[in-house]
C-alpha atoms as a PDB file:
ATOM      1  CA  MET A   1      54.374  25.819 -30.940  1.00  0.00           C
ATOM      2  CA  GLN A   2      50.701  25.248 -29.031  1.00  0.00           C
ATOM      3  CA  ARG A   3      48.106  25.456 -31.019  1.00  0.00           C
ATOM      4  CA  PRO A   4      45.403  28.447 -30.342  1.00  0.00           C
ATOM      5  CA  LEU A   5      42.594  28.172 -28.304  1.00  0.00           C
ATOM      6  CA  SER A   6      40.126  29.791 -31.061  1.00  0.00           C
ATOM      7  CA  VAL A   7      41.830  27.198 -33.826  1.00  0.00           C
ATOM      8  CA  THR A   8      40.872  24.290 -31.688  1.00  0.00           C
ATOM      9  CA  ILE A   9      36.669  25.873 -31.413  1.00  0.00           C
ATOM     10  CA  LEU A  10      36.501  26.771 -35.121  1.00  0.00           C
ATOM     11  CA  SER A  11      38.010  23.645 -36.591  1.00  0.00           C
ATOM     12  CA  TRP A  12      35.928  21.468 -33.649  1.00  0.00           C
ATOM     13  CA  ALA A  13      33.533  23.496 -34.578  1.00  0.00           C
ATOM     14  CA  PHE A  14      32.774  22.589 -38.537  1.00  0.00           C
ATOM     15  CA  ILE A  15      33.377  18.778 -37.660  1.00  0.00           C
ATOM     16  CA  ALA A  16      30.697  18.776 -35.647  1.00  0.00           C
ATOM     17  CA  ALA A  17      28.546  20.837 -38.147  1.00  0.00           C
ATOM     18  CA  GLY A  18      29.727  18.352 -40.704  1.00  0.00           C
ATOM     19  CA  ALA A  19      29.253  15.164 -38.729  1.00  0.00           C
ATOM     20  CA  VAL A  20      25.560  16.469 -37.434  1.00  0.00           C
ATOM     21  CA  GLY A  21      25.024  18.273 -41.063  1.00  0.00           C
ATOM     22  CA  LEU A  22      25.971  14.515 -42.388  1.00  0.00           C
ATOM     23  CA  VAL A  23      23.733  12.452 -40.013  1.00  0.00           C
ATOM     24  CA  TYR A  24      20.886  14.797 -40.629  1.00  0.00           C
ATOM     25  CA  HIS A  25      21.338  14.859 -44.774  1.00  0.00           C
ATOM     26  CA  VAL A  26      21.776  10.853 -45.252  1.00  0.00           C
ATOM     27  CA  THR A  27      18.335  10.136 -44.063  1.00  0.00           C
ATOM     28  CA  GLU A  28      17.623  11.867 -47.553  1.00  0.00           C
ATOM     29  CA  LEU A  29      19.060   9.602 -49.066  1.00  0.00           C
ATOM     30  CA  ARG A  30      16.246   7.054 -48.916  1.00  0.00           C
ATOM     31  CA  SER A  31      13.321   9.303 -49.884  1.00  0.00           C
ATOM     32  CA  GLY A  32      14.672   9.295 -53.388  1.00  0.00           C
ATOM     33  CA  ASP A  33      14.179  12.764 -53.978  1.00  0.00           C
ATOM     34  CA  ARG A  34      16.686  14.488 -55.421  1.00  0.00           C
ATOM     35  CA  PRO A  35      19.727  12.343 -54.416  1.00  0.00           C
ATOM     36  CA  ALA A  36      22.396  14.423 -56.477  1.00  0.00           C
ATOM     37  CA  ASP A  37      21.507  17.401 -54.398  1.00  0.00           C
ATOM     38  CA  VAL A  38      21.509  15.049 -51.182  1.00  0.00           C
ATOM     39  CA  VAL A  39      25.011  14.014 -52.621  1.00  0.00           C
ATOM     40  CA  LEU A  40      26.529  16.919 -53.243  1.00  0.00           C
ATOM     41  CA  VAL A  41      25.022  18.148 -49.700  1.00  0.00           C
ATOM     42  CA  LEU A  42      27.104  14.432 -48.165  1.00  0.00           C
ATOM     43  CA  VAL A  43      30.351  15.760 -49.556  1.00  0.00           C
ATOM     44  CA  LEU A  44      30.433  19.444 -48.782  1.00  0.00           C
ATOM     45  CA  ARG A  45      30.174  18.177 -44.607  1.00  0.00           C
ATOM     46  CA  MET A  46      32.740  15.983 -45.410  1.00  0.00           C
ATOM     47  CA  LEU A  47      34.960  18.496 -46.538  1.00  0.00           C
ATOM     48  CA  ALA A  48      33.555  20.449 -43.364  1.00  0.00           C
ATOM     49  CA  ILE A  49      34.841  17.771 -41.458  1.00  0.00           C
ATOM     50  CA  LEU A  50      38.009  16.774 -43.620  1.00  0.00           C
ATOM     51  CA  GLY A  51      39.044  21.021 -43.476  1.00  0.00           C
ATOM     52  CA  GLY A  52      38.466  20.393 -39.249  1.00  0.00           C
ATOM     53  CA  GLY A  53      40.622  18.169 -38.850  1.00  0.00           C
ATOM     54  CA  VAL A  54      43.725  18.920 -40.558  1.00  0.00           C
ATOM     55  CA  ALA A  55      42.805  22.968 -39.591  1.00  0.00           C
ATOM     56  CA  LEU A  56      43.166  21.437 -36.433  1.00  0.00           C
ATOM     57  CA  ARG A  57      47.253  19.625 -37.383  1.00  0.00           C
ATOM     58  CA  GLY A  58      47.756  22.897 -38.509  1.00  0.00           C
ATOM     59  CA  ALA A  59      47.757  22.384 -42.502  1.00  0.00           C
ATOM     60  CA  ASN A  60      47.300  25.719 -43.909  1.00  0.00           C
ATOM     61  CA  TRP A  61      44.759  24.069 -46.817  1.00  0.00           C
ATOM     62  CA  GLY A  62      42.557  23.164 -44.208  1.00  0.00           C
ATOM     63  CA  ARG A  63      42.080  27.208 -43.065  1.00  0.00           C
ATOM     64  CA  TRP A  64      41.948  27.781 -46.912  1.00  0.00           C
ATOM     65  CA  LEU A  65      39.663  24.971 -47.529  1.00  0.00           C
ATOM     66  CA  LEU A  66      36.976  26.107 -44.271  1.00  0.00           C
ATOM     67  CA  LEU A  67      37.422  29.708 -45.362  1.00  0.00           C
ATOM     68  CA  GLY A  68      36.105  28.660 -48.826  1.00  0.00           C
ATOM     69  CA  TRP A  69      33.189  25.824 -47.772  1.00  0.00           C
ATOM     70  CA  MET A  70      32.054  29.121 -45.112  1.00  0.00           C
ATOM     71  CA  ALA A  71      32.196  31.979 -48.524  1.00  0.00           C
ATOM     72  CA  PHE A  72      29.969  29.177 -50.388  1.00  0.00           C
ATOM     73  CA  HIS A  73      27.648  29.216 -47.607  1.00  0.00           C
ATOM     74  CA  VAL A  74      27.275  32.446 -47.982  1.00  0.00           C
ATOM     75  CA  VAL A  75      26.456  33.186 -51.396  1.00  0.00           C
ATOM     76  CA  ILE A  76      23.736  29.808 -51.225  1.00  0.00           C
ATOM     77  CA  SER A  77      21.977  31.905 -48.993  1.00  0.00           C
ATOM     78  CA  PHE A  78      21.476  34.691 -50.482  1.00  0.00           C
ATOM     79  CA  TRP A  79      18.310  32.301 -52.280  1.00  0.00           C
ATOM     80  CA  HIS A  80      16.905  31.688 -48.835  1.00  0.00           C
ATOM     81  CA  SER A  81      16.512  34.551 -45.842  1.00  0.00           C
ATOM     82  CA  ALA A  82      18.070  37.685 -45.496  1.00  0.00           C
ATOM     83  CA  SER A  83      18.931  36.198 -41.199  1.00  0.00           C
ATOM     84  CA  GLU A  84      20.766  33.405 -42.918  1.00  0.00           C
ATOM     85  CA  VAL A  85      22.754  35.366 -45.383  1.00  0.00           C
ATOM     86  CA  ALA A  86      23.495  37.576 -41.914  1.00  0.00           C
ATOM     87  CA  ALA A  87      24.604  34.457 -39.523  1.00  0.00           C
ATOM     88  CA  HIS A  88      26.864  32.989 -42.380  1.00  0.00           C
ATOM     89  CA  ALA A  89      28.203  36.452 -42.883  1.00  0.00           C
ATOM     90  CA  VAL A  90      29.398  36.333 -39.263  1.00  0.00           C
ATOM     91  CA  LEU A  91      30.710  33.365 -39.137  1.00  0.00           C
ATOM     92  CA  LEU A  92      32.842  33.545 -42.405  1.00  0.00           C
ATOM     93  CA  ILE A  93      33.769  36.929 -40.648  1.00  0.00           C
ATOM     94  CA  ALA A  94      34.645  34.466 -37.793  1.00  0.00           C
ATOM     95  CA  VAL A  95      36.760  32.036 -39.495  1.00  0.00           C
ATOM     96  CA  ILE A  96      38.982  34.797 -41.386  1.00  0.00           C
ATOM     97  CA  LEU A  97      39.196  36.989 -37.812  1.00  0.00           C
ATOM     98  CA  VAL A  98      40.694  33.469 -36.170  1.00  0.00           C
ATOM     99  CA  PHE A  99      42.266  31.408 -38.625  1.00  0.00           C
ATOM    100  CA  PHE A 100      44.489  34.551 -40.683  1.00  0.00           C
ATOM    101  CA  ARG A 101      44.852  37.361 -37.491  1.00  0.00           C
ATOM    102  CA  ALA A 102      48.258  36.224 -35.836  1.00  0.00           C
ATOM    103  CA  PRO A 103      47.916  33.157 -33.862  1.00  0.00           C
ATOM    104  CA  GLY A 104      45.911  31.469 -36.277  1.00  0.00           C
ATOM    105  CA  SER A 105      48.221  32.212 -38.712  1.00  0.00           C
ATOM    106  CA  ALA A 106      51.283  31.480 -37.289  1.00  0.00           C
ATOM    107  CA  TRP A 107      49.709  28.274 -36.397  1.00  0.00           C
ATOM    108  CA  PHE A 108      49.293  27.688 -39.547  1.00  0.00           C
ATOM    109  CA  ARG A 109      52.904  28.731 -40.671  1.00  0.00           C
ATOM    110  CA  ARG A 110      54.520  26.399 -39.115  1.00  0.00           C
ATOM    111  CA  ASP A 111      57.000  24.365 -40.326  1.00  0.00           C
ATOM    112  CA  ALA A 112      55.888  21.826 -42.652  1.00  0.00           C
ATOM    113  CA  VAL A 113      57.996  19.168 -40.934  1.00  0.00           C
ATOM    114  CA  THR A 114      56.467  20.037 -37.529  1.00  0.00           C
ATOM    115  CA  VAL A 115      53.017  19.539 -39.001  1.00  0.00           C
ATOM    116  CA  ALA A 116      52.878  15.515 -39.848  1.00  0.00           C
END
């Protein structure tokens, strides 16, 4: 089965967002200001990269990881602006539509033998 283009685009978007955020936030480690928070952000960025990579391969847990990652961002957006909440909510809806509608679901339900 060929991977749906929407799954490919969204998975690569998560990989790109994770990588850009990782590079951006790693510079904050030098400042010494709240290193535990920075490490948490770096781990979250690595999870986006991991989720995008395994979603490209068709691993079902990858789409759930990315769904959780995006839902987490909606929740933490409530401590920021309303526009940020709205933007993350729109992205969460996009994740749900791409990964859980028919073409995306079919990609993630393939036989486990074909994923490797």
